[in-house]
PDB file of N, CA and C in Angstrom:
ATOM      1  N   UNK A   1      79.192 124.739  81.745  1.00  0.00           N
ATOM      2  CA  UNK A   1      79.979 123.632  81.232  1.00  0.00           C
ATOM      3  C   UNK A   1      81.457 123.953  81.434  1.00  0.00           C
ATOM      4  N   UNK A   2      82.244 122.944  81.846  1.00  0.00           N
ATOM      5  CA  UNK A   2      83.666 123.098  82.091  1.00  0.00           C
ATOM      6  C   UNK A   2      84.462 122.422  80.984  1.00  0.00           C
ATOM      7  N   UNK A   3      85.688 122.883  80.761  1.00  0.00           N
ATOM      8  CA  UNK A   3      86.568 122.222  79.797  1.00  0.00           C
ATOM      9  C   UNK A   3      87.070 120.896  80.358  1.00  0.00           C
ATOM     10  N   UNK A   4      87.453 120.899  81.640  1.00  0.00           N
ATOM     11  CA  UNK A   4      88.046 119.704  82.270  1.00  0.00           C
ATOM     12  C   UNK A   4      87.440 119.453  83.638  1.00  0.00           C
ATOM     13  N   UNK A   5      87.328 118.181  83.977  1.00  0.00           N
ATOM     14  CA  UNK A   5      87.031 117.745  85.346  1.00  0.00           C
ATOM     15  C   UNK A   5      88.196 116.855  85.756  1.00  0.00           C
ATOM     16  N   UNK A   6      88.765 117.110  86.910  1.00  0.00           N
ATOM     17  CA  UNK A   6      89.875 116.306  87.422  1.00  0.00           C
ATOM     18  C   UNK A   6      89.402 115.711  88.744  1.00  0.00           C
ATOM     19  N   UNK A   7      89.367 114.386  88.802  1.00  0.00           N
ATOM     20  CA  UNK A   7      88.734 113.722  89.936  1.00  0.00           C
ATOM     21  C   UNK A   7      89.649 112.652  90.516  1.00  0.00           C
ATOM     22  N   UNK A   8      89.775 112.654  91.824  1.00  0.00           N
ATOM     23  CA  UNK A   8      90.439 111.583  92.551  1.00  0.00           C
ATOM     24  C   UNK A   8      89.448 111.092  93.588  1.00  0.00           C
ATOM     25  N   UNK A   9      88.570 110.144  93.196  1.00  0.00           N
ATOM     26  CA  UNK A   9      87.540 109.705  94.134  1.00  0.00           C
ATOM     27  C   UNK A   9      88.114 108.965  95.332  1.00  0.00           C
ATOM     28  N   UNK A  10      87.300 108.820  96.347  1.00  0.00           N
ATOM     29  CA  UNK A  10      87.699 108.075  97.535  1.00  0.00           C
ATOM     30  C   UNK A  10      88.004 106.636  97.166  1.00  0.00           C
ATOM     31  N   UNK A  11      89.018 106.078  97.769  1.00  0.00           N
ATOM     32  CA  UNK A  11      89.383 104.688  97.502  1.00  0.00           C
ATOM     33  C   UNK A  11      88.724 103.788  98.525  1.00  0.00           C
ATOM     34  N   UNK A  12      88.458 102.556  98.146  1.00  0.00           N
ATOM     35  CA  UNK A  12      87.807 101.602  99.029  1.00  0.00           C
ATOM     36  C   UNK A  12      86.343 101.457  98.670  1.00  0.00           C
ATOM     37  N   UNK A  13      85.625 100.733  99.474  1.00  0.00           N
ATOM     38  CA  UNK A  13      84.202 100.492  99.225  1.00  0.00           C
ATOM     39  C   UNK A  13      83.399 101.700  99.689  1.00  0.00           C
ATOM     40  N   UNK A  14      83.037 102.556  98.745  1.00  0.00           N
ATOM     41  CA  UNK A  14      82.242 103.736  99.036  1.00  0.00           C
ATOM     42  C   UNK A  14      80.993 103.655  98.174  1.00  0.00           C
ATOM     43  N   UNK A  15      79.827 103.657  98.794  1.00  0.00           N
ATOM     44  CA  UNK A  15      78.578 103.589  98.037  1.00  0.00           C
ATOM     45  C   UNK A  15      78.325 104.921  97.341  1.00  0.00           C
ATOM     46  N   UNK A  16      77.819 104.851  96.143  1.00  0.00           N
ATOM     47  CA  UNK A  16      77.475 106.063  95.403  1.00  0.00           C
ATOM     48  C   UNK A  16      76.238 106.686  96.031  1.00  0.00           C
ATOM     49  N   UNK A  17      76.284 107.986  96.275  1.00  0.00           N
ATOM     50  CA  UNK A  17      75.123 108.647  96.852  1.00  0.00           C
ATOM     51  C   UNK A  17      74.070 108.916  95.789  1.00  0.00           C
ATOM     52  N   UNK A  18      74.498 109.085  94.528  1.00  0.00           N
ATOM     53  CA  UNK A  18      73.571 109.299  93.427  1.00  0.00           C
ATOM     54  C   UNK A  18      73.594 108.065  92.539  1.00  0.00           C
ATOM     55  N   UNK A  19      72.486 107.388  92.445  1.00  0.00           N
ATOM     56  CA  UNK A  19      72.423 106.137  91.707  1.00  0.00           C
ATOM     57  C   UNK A  19      71.513 106.312  90.493  1.00  0.00           C
ATOM     58  N   UNK A  20      71.678 107.413  89.746  1.00  0.00           N
ATOM     59  CA  UNK A  20      70.734 107.755  88.682  1.00  0.00           C
ATOM     60  C   UNK A  20      70.726 106.772  87.527  1.00  0.00           C
ATOM     61  N   UNK A  21      71.817 106.045  87.288  1.00  0.00           N
ATOM     62  CA  UNK A  21      71.844 105.051  86.215  1.00  0.00           C
ATOM     63  C   UNK A  21      72.075 103.638  86.739  1.00  0.00           C
ATOM     64  N   UNK A  22      72.019 103.478  88.037  1.00  0.00           N
ATOM     65  CA  UNK A  22      72.188 102.152  88.616  1.00  0.00           C
ATOM     66  C   UNK A  22      73.629 101.800  88.932  1.00  0.00           C
ATOM     67  N   UNK A  23      74.520 102.765  88.973  1.00  0.00           N
ATOM     68  CA  UNK A  23      75.913 102.494  89.297  1.00  0.00           C
ATOM     69  C   UNK A  23      76.069 102.400  90.801  1.00  0.00           C
ATOM     70  N   UNK A  24      76.599 101.309  91.270  1.00  0.00           N
ATOM     71  CA  UNK A  24      76.800 101.109  92.700  1.00  0.00           C
ATOM     72  C   UNK A  24      78.186 101.575  93.136  1.00  0.00           C
ATOM     73  N   UNK A  25      79.065 101.842  92.181  1.00  0.00           N
ATOM     74  CA  UNK A  25      80.426 102.263  92.466  1.00  0.00           C
ATOM     75  C   UNK A  25      80.522 103.786  92.477  1.00  0.00           C
ATOM     76  N   UNK A  26      81.177 104.309  93.497  1.00  0.00           N
ATOM     77  CA  UNK A  26      81.378 105.752  93.594  1.00  0.00           C
ATOM     78  C   UNK A  26      82.151 106.272  92.389  1.00  0.00           C
ATOM     79  N   UNK A  27      83.187 105.513  91.929  1.00  0.00           N
ATOM     80  CA  UNK A  27      83.995 105.948  90.784  1.00  0.00           C
ATOM     81  C   UNK A  27      83.140 106.116  89.533  1.00  0.00           C
ATOM     82  N   UNK A  28      82.275 105.138  89.257  1.00  0.00           N
ATOM     83  CA  UNK A  28      81.453 105.197  88.049  1.00  0.00           C
ATOM     84  C   UNK A  28      80.406 106.295  88.140  1.00  0.00           C
ATOM     85  N   UNK A  29      79.856 106.513  89.329  1.00  0.00           N
ATOM     86  CA  UNK A  29      78.906 107.609  89.520  1.00  0.00           C
ATOM     87  C   UNK A  29      79.604 108.948  89.286  1.00  0.00           C
ATOM     88  N   UNK A  30      80.851 109.088  89.754  1.00  0.00           N
ATOM     89  CA  UNK A  30      81.604 110.332  89.556  1.00  0.00           C
ATOM     90  C   UNK A  30      81.893 110.559  88.073  1.00  0.00           C
ATOM     91  N   UNK A  31      82.266 109.505  87.352  1.00  0.00           N
ATOM     92  CA  UNK A  31      82.516 109.631  85.907  1.00  0.00           C
ATOM     93  C   UNK A  31      81.224 110.033  85.200  1.00  0.00           C
ATOM     94  N   UNK A  32      80.127 109.414  85.572  1.00  0.00           N
ATOM     95  CA  UNK A  32      78.831 109.713  84.955  1.00  0.00           C
ATOM     96  C   UNK A  32      78.460 111.182  85.154  1.00  0.00           C
ATOM     97  N   UNK A  33      78.631 111.687  86.359  1.00  0.00           N
ATOM     98  CA  UNK A  33      78.315 113.089  86.636  1.00  0.00           C
ATOM     99  C   UNK A  33      79.275 114.011  85.897  1.00  0.00           C
ATOM    100  N   UNK A  34      80.569 113.672  85.883  1.00  0.00           N
ATOM    101  CA  UNK A  34      81.554 114.505  85.184  1.00  0.00           C
ATOM    102  C   UNK A  34      81.239 114.596  83.698  1.00  0.00           C
ATOM    103  N   UNK A  35      80.704 113.531  83.117  1.00  0.00           N
ATOM    104  CA  UNK A  35      80.388 113.547  81.680  1.00  0.00           C
ATOM    105  C   UNK A  35      79.287 114.548  81.354  1.00  0.00           C
ATOM    106  N   UNK A  36      78.503 114.932  82.357  1.00  0.00           N
ATOM    107  CA  UNK A  36      77.429 115.897  82.155  1.00  0.00           C
ATOM    108  C   UNK A  36      77.903 117.346  82.290  1.00  0.00           C
ATOM    109  N   UNK A  37      79.028 117.560  82.971  1.00  0.00           N
ATOM    110  CA  UNK A  37      79.434 118.951  83.260  1.00  0.00           C
ATOM    111  C   UNK A  37      80.747 119.363  82.615  1.00  0.00           C
ATOM    112  N   UNK A  38      81.473 118.436  81.977  1.00  0.00           N
ATOM    113  CA  UNK A  38      82.786 118.768  81.409  1.00  0.00           C
ATOM    114  C   UNK A  38      82.956 118.122  80.040  1.00  0.00           C
ATOM    115  N   UNK A  39      83.860 118.691  79.248  1.00  0.00           N
ATOM    116  CA  UNK A  39      84.188 118.128  77.933  1.00  0.00           C
ATOM    117  C   UNK A  39      85.215 117.008  78.032  1.00  0.00           C
ATOM    118  N   UNK A  40      86.115 117.101  78.992  1.00  0.00           N
ATOM    119  CA  UNK A  40      87.194 116.135  79.170  1.00  0.00           C
ATOM    120  C   UNK A  40      87.346 115.821  80.644  1.00  0.00           C
ATOM    121  N   UNK A  41      87.966 114.679  80.926  1.00  0.00           N
ATOM    122  CA  UNK A  41      88.125 114.291  82.317  1.00  0.00           C
ATOM    123  C   UNK A  41      89.421 113.533  82.510  1.00  0.00           C
ATOM    124  N   UNK A  42      90.003 113.689  83.691  1.00  0.00           N
ATOM    125  CA  UNK A  42      91.148 112.894  84.128  1.00  0.00           C
ATOM    126  C   UNK A  42      90.792 112.345  85.502  1.00  0.00           C
ATOM    127  N   UNK A  43      90.920 111.026  85.661  1.00  0.00           N
ATOM    128  CA  UNK A  43      90.614 110.359  86.914  1.00  0.00           C
ATOM    129  C   UNK A  43      91.825 109.615  87.427  1.00  0.00           C
ATOM    130  N   UNK A  44      91.981 109.581  88.726  1.00  0.00           N
ATOM    131  CA  UNK A  44      92.904 108.662  89.374  1.00  0.00           C
ATOM    132  C   UNK A  44      92.012 107.585  89.976  1.00  0.00           C
ATOM    133  N   UNK A  45      92.099 106.374  89.425  1.00  0.00           N
ATOM    134  CA  UNK A  45      91.230 105.281  89.871  1.00  0.00           C
ATOM    135  C   UNK A  45      92.053 104.119  90.395  1.00  0.00           C
ATOM    136  N   UNK A  46      91.507 103.363  91.336  1.00  0.00           N
ATOM    137  CA  UNK A  46      92.150 102.105  91.697  1.00  0.00           C
ATOM    138  C   UNK A  46      92.226 101.239  90.436  1.00  0.00           C
ATOM    139  N   UNK A  47      93.298 100.490  90.274  1.00  0.00           N
ATOM    140  CA  UNK A  47      93.471  99.716  89.052  1.00  0.00           C
ATOM    141  C   UNK A  47      92.280  98.803  88.772  1.00  0.00           C
ATOM    142  N   UNK A  48      91.655  98.267  89.821  1.00  0.00           N
ATOM    143  CA  UNK A  48      90.514  97.383  89.645  1.00  0.00           C
ATOM    144  C   UNK A  48      89.274  98.057  89.084  1.00  0.00           C
ATOM    145  N   UNK A  49      89.217  99.382  89.068  1.00  0.00           N
ATOM    146  CA  UNK A  49      88.061 100.101  88.531  1.00  0.00           C
ATOM    147  C   UNK A  49      88.255 100.550  87.089  1.00  0.00           C
ATOM    148  N   UNK A  50      89.453 100.398  86.547  1.00  0.00           N
ATOM    149  CA  UNK A  50      89.733 100.807  85.171  1.00  0.00           C
ATOM    150  C   UNK A  50      89.481  99.646  84.208  1.00  0.00           C
ATOM    151  N   UNK A  51      89.233  99.970  82.955  1.00  0.00           N
ATOM    152  CA  UNK A  51      88.973  98.933  81.948  1.00  0.00           C
ATOM    153  C   UNK A  51      90.247  98.468  81.261  1.00  0.00           C
ATOM    154  N   UNK A  52      91.377  98.804  81.847  1.00  0.00           N
ATOM    155  CA  UNK A  52      92.672  98.387  81.323  1.00  0.00           C
ATOM    156  C   UNK A  52      93.630  98.203  82.488  1.00  0.00           C
ATOM    157  N   UNK A  53      94.745  97.560  82.222  1.00  0.00           N
ATOM    158  CA  UNK A  53      95.836  97.447  83.191  1.00  0.00           C
ATOM    159  C   UNK A  53      97.087  97.970  82.489  1.00  0.00           C
ATOM    160  N   UNK A  54      97.717  98.970  83.092  1.00  0.00           N
ATOM    161  CA  UNK A  54      98.944  99.522  82.512  1.00  0.00           C
ATOM    162  C   UNK A  54     100.024  99.721  83.572  1.00  0.00           C
ATOM    163  N   UNK A  55      99.661 100.298  84.704  1.00  0.00           N
ATOM    164  CA  UNK A  55     100.645 100.599  85.739  1.00  0.00           C
ATOM    165  C   UNK A  55     101.319  99.323  86.236  1.00  0.00           C
ATOM    166  N   UNK A  56     102.646  99.325  86.216  1.00  0.00           N
ATOM    167  CA  UNK A  56     103.414  98.174  86.655  1.00  0.00           C
ATOM    168  C   UNK A  56     103.556  97.084  85.611  1.00  0.00           C
ATOM    169  N   UNK A  57     103.157  97.355  84.369  1.00  0.00           N
ATOM    170  CA  UNK A  57     103.231  96.371  83.281  1.00  0.00           C
ATOM    171  C   UNK A  57     103.998  96.967  82.106  1.00  0.00           C
ATOM    172  N   UNK A  58     104.519  96.119  81.230  1.00  0.00           N
ATOM    173  CA  UNK A  58     105.288  96.648  80.099  1.00  0.00           C
ATOM    174  C   UNK A  58     104.424  97.283  79.009  1.00  0.00           C
ATOM    175  N   UNK A  59     103.131  96.949  78.966  1.00  0.00           N
ATOM    176  CA  UNK A  59     102.256  97.532  77.950  1.00  0.00           C
ATOM    177  C   UNK A  59     100.812  97.495  78.446  1.00  0.00           C
ATOM    178  N   UNK A  60      99.931  98.145  77.721  1.00  0.00           N
ATOM    179  CA  UNK A  60      98.514  98.222  78.094  1.00  0.00           C
ATOM    180  C   UNK A  60      97.833  96.889  77.812  1.00  0.00           C
ATOM    181  N   UNK A  61      97.054  96.443  78.781  1.00  0.00           N
ATOM    182  CA  UNK A  61      96.237  95.242  78.610  1.00  0.00           C
ATOM    183  C   UNK A  61      94.783  95.656  78.763  1.00  0.00           C
ATOM    184  N   UNK A  62      93.989  95.544  77.694  1.00  0.00           N
ATOM    185  CA  UNK A  62      92.568  95.870  77.754  1.00  0.00           C
ATOM    186  C   UNK A  62      91.805  94.696  78.356  1.00  0.00           C
ATOM    187  N   UNK A  63      90.850  94.991  79.208  1.00  0.00           N
ATOM    188  CA  UNK A  63      90.003  93.952  79.781  1.00  0.00           C
ATOM    189  C   UNK A  63      88.827  93.688  78.850  1.00  0.00           C
ATOM    190  N   UNK A  64      88.292  92.483  78.911  1.00  0.00           N
ATOM    191  CA  UNK A  64      87.124  92.151  78.111  1.00  0.00           C
ATOM    192  C   UNK A  64      85.914  91.846  78.981  1.00  0.00           C
ATOM    193  N   UNK A  65      86.139  91.639  80.271  1.00  0.00           N
ATOM    194  CA  UNK A  65      85.056  91.353  81.208  1.00  0.00           C
ATOM    195  C   UNK A  65      85.203  92.218  82.444  1.00  0.00           C
ATOM    196  N   UNK A  66      84.135  92.373  83.171  1.00  0.00           N
ATOM    197  CA  UNK A  66      84.188  93.080  84.444  1.00  0.00           C
ATOM    198  C   UNK A  66      83.199  94.227  84.508  1.00  0.00           C
ATOM    199  N   UNK A  67      83.048  94.758  85.700  1.00  0.00           N
ATOM    200  CA  UNK A  67      82.115  95.852  85.935  1.00  0.00           C
ATOM    201  C   UNK A  67      82.456  97.075  85.095  1.00  0.00           C
ATOM    202  N   UNK A  68      83.753  97.357  84.958  1.00  0.00           N
ATOM    203  CA  UNK A  68      84.172  98.537  84.189  1.00  0.00           C
ATOM    204  C   UNK A  68      83.804  98.398  82.710  1.00  0.00           C
ATOM    205  N   UNK A  69      83.844  97.187  82.177  1.00  0.00           N
ATOM    206  CA  UNK A  69      83.468  96.963  80.784  1.00  0.00           C
ATOM    207  C   UNK A  69      81.958  97.166  80.635  1.00  0.00           C
ATOM    208  N   UNK A  70      81.191  96.671  81.595  1.00  0.00           N
ATOM    209  CA  UNK A  70      79.748  96.907  81.588  1.00  0.00           C
ATOM    210  C   UNK A  70      79.419  98.389  81.649  1.00  0.00           C
ATOM    211  N   UNK A  71      80.181  99.139  82.447  1.00  0.00           N
ATOM    212  CA  UNK A  71      79.995 100.582  82.537  1.00  0.00           C
ATOM    213  C   UNK A  71      80.226 101.232  81.170  1.00  0.00           C
ATOM    214  N   UNK A  72      81.324 100.876  80.500  1.00  0.00           N
ATOM    215  CA  UNK A  72      81.619 101.447  79.183  1.00  0.00           C
ATOM    216  C   UNK A  72      80.519 101.115  78.176  1.00  0.00           C
ATOM    217  N   UNK A  73      80.041  99.894  78.199  1.00  0.00           N
ATOM    218  CA  UNK A  73      79.006  99.475  77.254  1.00  0.00           C
ATOM    219  C   UNK A  73      77.678 100.183  77.521  1.00  0.00           C
ATOM    220  N   UNK A  74      77.335 100.365  78.777  1.00  0.00           N
ATOM    221  CA  UNK A  74      76.066 101.023  79.121  1.00  0.00           C
ATOM    222  C   UNK A  74      76.075 102.510  78.836  1.00  0.00           C
ATOM    223  N   UNK A  75      77.227 103.147  79.010  1.00  0.00           N
ATOM    224  CA  UNK A  75      77.279 104.609  78.878  1.00  0.00           C
ATOM    225  C   UNK A  75      77.847 105.081  77.550  1.00  0.00           C
ATOM    226  N   UNK A  76      78.623 104.241  76.866  1.00  0.00           N
ATOM    227  CA  UNK A  76      79.314 104.688  75.655  1.00  0.00           C
ATOM    228  C   UNK A  76      80.541 105.525  75.971  1.00  0.00           C
ATOM    229  N   UNK A  77      80.933 105.586  77.240  1.00  0.00           N
ATOM    230  CA  UNK A  77      82.111 106.340  77.665  1.00  0.00           C
ATOM    231  C   UNK A  77      83.300 105.388  77.736  1.00  0.00           C
ATOM    232  N   UNK A  78      84.359 105.705  77.021  1.00  0.00           N
ATOM    233  CA  UNK A  78      85.521 104.829  76.921  1.00  0.00           C
ATOM    234  C   UNK A  78      86.679 105.382  77.741  1.00  0.00           C
ATOM    235  N   UNK A  79      87.321 104.525  78.531  1.00  0.00           N
ATOM    236  CA  UNK A  79      88.459 104.922  79.358  1.00  0.00           C
ATOM    237  C   UNK A  79      89.752 104.823  78.549  1.00  0.00           C
ATOM    238  N   UNK A  80      90.405 105.966  78.341  1.00  0.00           N
ATOM    239  CA  UNK A  80      91.718 106.007  77.699  1.00  0.00           C
ATOM    240  C   UNK A  80      92.796 105.860  78.762  1.00  0.00           C
ATOM    241  N   UNK A  81      93.913 105.296  78.377  1.00  0.00           N
ATOM    242  CA  UNK A  81      95.031 105.067  79.283  1.00  0.00           C
ATOM    243  C   UNK A  81      95.839 106.341  79.473  1.00  0.00           C
ATOM    244  N   UNK A  82      96.252 106.596  80.703  1.00  0.00           N
ATOM    245  CA  UNK A  82      97.088 107.744  81.023  1.00  0.00           C
ATOM    246  C   UNK A  82      98.547 107.352  81.154  1.00  0.00           C
ATOM    247  N   UNK A  83      99.113 107.488  82.344  1.00  0.00           N
ATOM    248  CA  UNK A  83     100.525 107.194  82.569  1.00  0.00           C
ATOM    249  C   UNK A  83     100.675 106.041  83.556  1.00  0.00           C
ATOM    250  N   UNK A  84     101.848 105.429  83.575  1.00  0.00           N
ATOM    251  CA  UNK A  84     102.162 104.358  84.526  1.00  0.00           C
ATOM    252  C   UNK A  84     102.410 105.006  85.890  1.00  0.00           C
ATOM    253  N   UNK A  85     101.569 104.699  86.854  1.00  0.00           N
ATOM    254  CA  UNK A  85     101.685 105.304  88.184  1.00  0.00           C
ATOM    255  C   UNK A  85     102.510 104.470  89.155  1.00  0.00           C
ATOM    256  N   UNK A  86     102.980 103.297  88.737  1.00  0.00           N
ATOM    257  CA  UNK A  86     103.660 102.403  89.677  1.00  0.00           C
ATOM    258  C   UNK A  86     104.959 102.998  90.218  1.00  0.00           C
ATOM    259  N   UNK A  87     105.572 103.926  89.507  1.00  0.00           N
ATOM    260  CA  UNK A  87     106.817 104.526  90.005  1.00  0.00           C
ATOM    261  C   UNK A  87     106.585 105.419  91.221  1.00  0.00           C
ATOM    262  N   UNK A  88     105.338 105.844  91.440  1.00  0.00           N
ATOM    263  CA  UNK A  88     105.003 106.690  92.581  1.00  0.00           C
ATOM    264  C   UNK A  88     104.454 105.894  93.764  1.00  0.00           C
ATOM    265  N   UNK A  89     104.345 104.611  93.615  1.00  0.00           N
ATOM    266  CA  UNK A  89     103.681 103.779  94.622  1.00  0.00           C
ATOM    267  C   UNK A  89     104.320 103.894  96.006  1.00  0.00           C
ATOM    268  N   UNK A  90     105.627 104.016  96.089  1.00  0.00           N
ATOM    269  CA  UNK A  90     106.310 104.121  97.364  1.00  0.00           C
ATOM    270  C   UNK A  90     106.173 105.476  98.032  1.00  0.00           C
ATOM    271  N   UNK A  91     105.540 106.444  97.367  1.00  0.00           N
ATOM    272  CA  UNK A  91     105.407 107.782  97.916  1.00  0.00           C
ATOM    273  C   UNK A  91     104.080 108.023  98.632  1.00  0.00           C
ATOM    274  N   UNK A  92     103.207 107.019  98.672  1.00  0.00           N
ATOM    275  CA  UNK A  92     101.955 107.144  99.408  1.00  0.00           C
ATOM    276  C   UNK A  92     102.266 107.145 100.904  1.00  0.00           C
ATOM    277  N   UNK A  93     101.482 107.817 101.690  1.00  0.00           N
ATOM    278  CA  UNK A  93     101.733 107.912 103.130  1.00  0.00           C
ATOM    279  C   UNK A  93     101.296 106.675 103.897  1.00  0.00           C
ATOM    280  N   UNK A  94     100.149 106.132 103.573  1.00  0.00           N
ATOM    281  CA  UNK A  94      99.641 104.986 104.324  1.00  0.00           C
ATOM    282  C   UNK A  94      99.666 103.740 103.433  1.00  0.00           C
ATOM    283  N   UNK A  95      98.540 103.398 102.871  1.00  0.00           N
ATOM    284  CA  UNK A  95      98.471 102.247 101.971  1.00  0.00           C
ATOM    285  C   UNK A  95      98.993 102.657 100.596  1.00  0.00           C
ATOM    286  N   UNK A  96      99.362 101.667  99.783  1.00  0.00           N
ATOM    287  CA  UNK A  96      99.916 101.966  98.459  1.00  0.00           C
ATOM    288  C   UNK A  96      99.143 101.201  97.382  1.00  0.00           C
ATOM    289  N   UNK A  97      97.917 101.630  97.088  1.00  0.00           N
ATOM    290  CA  UNK A  97      97.152 100.918  96.060  1.00  0.00           C
ATOM    291  C   UNK A  97      97.731 101.187  94.676  1.00  0.00           C
ATOM    292  N   UNK A  98      97.631 100.208  93.797  1.00  0.00           N
ATOM    293  CA  UNK A  98      98.031 100.410  92.414  1.00  0.00           C
ATOM    294  C   UNK A  98      96.895 101.147  91.721  1.00  0.00           C
ATOM    295  N   UNK A  99      97.212 102.264  91.082  1.00  0.00           N
ATOM    296  CA  UNK A  99      96.215 103.141  90.472  1.00  0.00           C
ATOM    297  C   UNK A  99      96.429 103.225  88.976  1.00  0.00           C
ATOM    298  N   UNK A 100      95.430 103.730  88.297  1.00  0.00           N
ATOM    299  CA  UNK A 100      95.526 104.054  86.884  1.00  0.00           C
ATOM    300  C   UNK A 100      95.076 105.488  86.696  1.00  0.00           C
ATOM    301  N   UNK A 101      95.751 106.189  85.804  1.00  0.00           N
ATOM    302  CA  UNK A 101      95.291 107.500  85.365  1.00  0.00           C
ATOM    303  C   UNK A 101      94.400 107.237  84.159  1.00  0.00           C
ATOM    304  N   UNK A 102      93.159 107.640  84.250  1.00  0.00           N
ATOM    305  CA  UNK A 102      92.188 107.422  83.187  1.00  0.00           C
ATOM    306  C   UNK A 102      91.829 108.779  82.600  1.00  0.00           C
ATOM    307  N   UNK A 103      91.922 108.897  81.286  1.00  0.00           N
ATOM    308  CA  UNK A 103      91.498 110.116  80.605  1.00  0.00           C
ATOM    309  C   UNK A 103      90.254 109.790  79.794  1.00  0.00           C
ATOM    310  N   UNK A 104      89.370 110.763  79.687  1.00  0.00           N
ATOM    311  CA  UNK A 104      88.140 110.560  78.934  1.00  0.00           C
ATOM    312  C   UNK A 104      87.783 111.833  78.199  1.00  0.00           C
ATOM    313  N   UNK A 105      87.277 111.671  76.991  1.00  0.00           N
ATOM    314  CA  UNK A 105      86.791 112.796  76.198  1.00  0.00           C
ATOM    315  C   UNK A 105      85.287 112.633  76.092  1.00  0.00           C
ATOM    316  N   UNK A 106      84.547 113.608  76.611  1.00  0.00           N
ATOM    317  CA  UNK A 106      83.097 113.515  76.629  1.00  0.00           C
ATOM    318  C   UNK A 106      82.438 114.240  75.461  1.00  0.00           C
ATOM    319  N   UNK A 107      83.063 115.299  74.969  1.00  0.00           N
ATOM    320  CA  UNK A 107      82.411 116.091  73.926  1.00  0.00           C
ATOM    321  C   UNK A 107      82.697 115.513  72.546  1.00  0.00           C
ATOM    322  N   UNK A 108      81.825 115.794  71.632  1.00  0.00           N
ATOM    323  CA  UNK A 108      82.031 115.352  70.254  1.00  0.00           C
ATOM    324  C   UNK A 108      81.853 113.855  70.105  1.00  0.00           C
ATOM    325  N   UNK A 109      82.451 113.326  69.076  1.00  0.00           N
ATOM    326  CA  UNK A 109      82.327 111.905  68.761  1.00  0.00           C
ATOM    327  C   UNK A 109      83.151 111.083  69.727  1.00  0.00           C
ATOM    328  N   UNK A 110      82.551 110.103  70.372  1.00  0.00           N
ATOM    329  CA  UNK A 110      83.265 109.244  71.305  1.00  0.00           C
ATOM    330  C   UNK A 110      84.117 108.245  70.539  1.00  0.00           C
ATOM    331  N   UNK A 111      85.366 108.153  70.921  1.00  0.00           N
ATOM    332  CA  UNK A 111      86.289 107.248  70.247  1.00  0.00           C
ATOM    333  C   UNK A 111      86.165 105.856  70.843  1.00  0.00           C
ATOM    334  N   UNK A 112      86.187 104.852  70.008  1.00  0.00           N
ATOM    335  CA  UNK A 112      86.108 103.461  70.452  1.00  0.00           C
ATOM    336  C   UNK A 112      87.430 102.769  70.157  1.00  0.00           C
ATOM    337  N   UNK A 113      87.880 101.861  71.016  1.00  0.00           N
ATOM    338  CA  UNK A 113      89.179 101.219  70.816  1.00  0.00           C
ATOM    339  C   UNK A 113      89.111 100.067  69.821  1.00  0.00           C
ATOM    340  N   UNK A 114      90.230  99.850  69.164  1.00  0.00           N
ATOM    341  CA  UNK A 114      90.403  98.672  68.332  1.00  0.00           C
ATOM    342  C   UNK A 114      91.784  98.128  68.680  1.00  0.00           C
ATOM    343  N   UNK A 115      91.832  96.906  69.189  1.00  0.00           N
ATOM    344  CA  UNK A 115      93.094  96.327  69.643  1.00  0.00           C
ATOM    345  C   UNK A 115      93.893  95.796  68.464  1.00  0.00           C
ATOM    346  N   UNK A 116      95.209  95.963  68.520  1.00  0.00           N
ATOM    347  CA  UNK A 116      96.121  95.406  67.539  1.00  0.00           C
ATOM    348  C   UNK A 116      97.239  94.695  68.276  1.00  0.00           C
ATOM    349  N   UNK A 117      97.512  93.459  67.914  1.00  0.00           N
ATOM    350  CA  UNK A 117      98.623  92.721  68.515  1.00  0.00           C
ATOM    351  C   UNK A 117      99.915  93.146  67.824  1.00  0.00           C
ATOM    352  N   UNK A 118     100.975  93.290  68.600  1.00  0.00           N
ATOM    353  CA  UNK A 118     102.265  93.657  68.040  1.00  0.00           C
ATOM    354  C   UNK A 118     103.218  92.468  68.133  1.00  0.00           C
ATOM    355  N   UNK A 119     104.382  92.606  67.526  1.00  0.00           N
ATOM    356  CA  UNK A 119     105.354  91.514  67.481  1.00  0.00           C
ATOM    357  C   UNK A 119     105.814  91.097  68.875  1.00  0.00           C
ATOM    358  N   UNK A 120     105.848  92.022  69.833  1.00  0.00           N
ATOM    359  CA  UNK A 120     106.304  91.678  71.179  1.00  0.00           C
ATOM    360  C   UNK A 120     105.212  91.061  72.056  1.00  0.00           C
ATOM    361  N   UNK A 121     104.023  90.851  71.477  1.00  0.00           N
ATOM    362  CA  UNK A 121     102.925  90.221  72.215  1.00  0.00           C
ATOM    363  C   UNK A 121     102.047  91.202  72.978  1.00  0.00           C
ATOM    364  N   UNK A 122     102.442  92.463  73.037  1.00  0.00           N
ATOM    365  CA  UNK A 122     101.628  93.466  73.723  1.00  0.00           C
ATOM    366  C   UNK A 122     100.470  93.873  72.826  1.00  0.00           C
ATOM    367  N   UNK A 123      99.380  94.262  73.453  1.00  0.00           N
ATOM    368  CA  UNK A 123      98.235  94.740  72.696  1.00  0.00           C
ATOM    369  C   UNK A 123      98.305  96.259  72.665  1.00  0.00           C
ATOM    370  N   UNK A 124      98.264  96.816  71.483  1.00  0.00           N
ATOM    371  CA  UNK A 124      98.252  98.262  71.320  1.00  0.00           C
ATOM    372  C   UNK A 124      96.829  98.681  70.969  1.00  0.00           C
ATOM    373  N   UNK A 125      96.418  99.821  71.441  1.00  0.00           N
ATOM    374  CA  UNK A 125      95.079 100.307  71.138  1.00  0.00           C
ATOM    375  C   UNK A 125      95.155 101.356  70.042  1.00  0.00           C
ATOM    376  N   UNK A 126      94.291 101.222  69.086  1.00  0.00           N
ATOM    377  CA  UNK A 126      94.181 102.203  68.015  1.00  0.00           C
ATOM    378  C   UNK A 126      92.806 102.817  68.139  1.00  0.00           C
ATOM    379  N   UNK A 127      92.740 104.124  68.279  1.00  0.00           N
ATOM    380  CA  UNK A 127      91.463 104.790  68.393  1.00  0.00           C
ATOM    381  C   UNK A 127      91.047 105.276  67.017  1.00  0.00           C
ATOM    382  N   UNK A 128      89.798 105.012  66.681  1.00  0.00           N
ATOM    383  CA  UNK A 128      89.305 105.438  65.369  1.00  0.00           C
ATOM    384  C   UNK A 128      87.996 106.153  65.493  1.00  0.00           C
TER     385      UNK A 128
END
């Protein structure tokens, strides 16, 4: 067992080679496998694969629909928000996809989000 898994999966349409839980996405298959071998994880994911939008925005926006939400519901694994990566977008060599840093805690009690609206209209997440 490892303390941390740090993963930057391939970007684009890549079929998962291991489909043990029915995940067709390489990113979700990698998260699933990492949850078995590490206590914590950090992922660099394309923004479309994360269950939130933060990079390039003034605050975190949690999604309520989509494949990533289905993944969280099926596995009980919750994607925590990392840092805004949009400031590094111009430093990519070829294409410049918008990414999210996703952190996850696999060991112990899994934290679930509870959204709170703030005065500025942004949604803040409170983990309990």
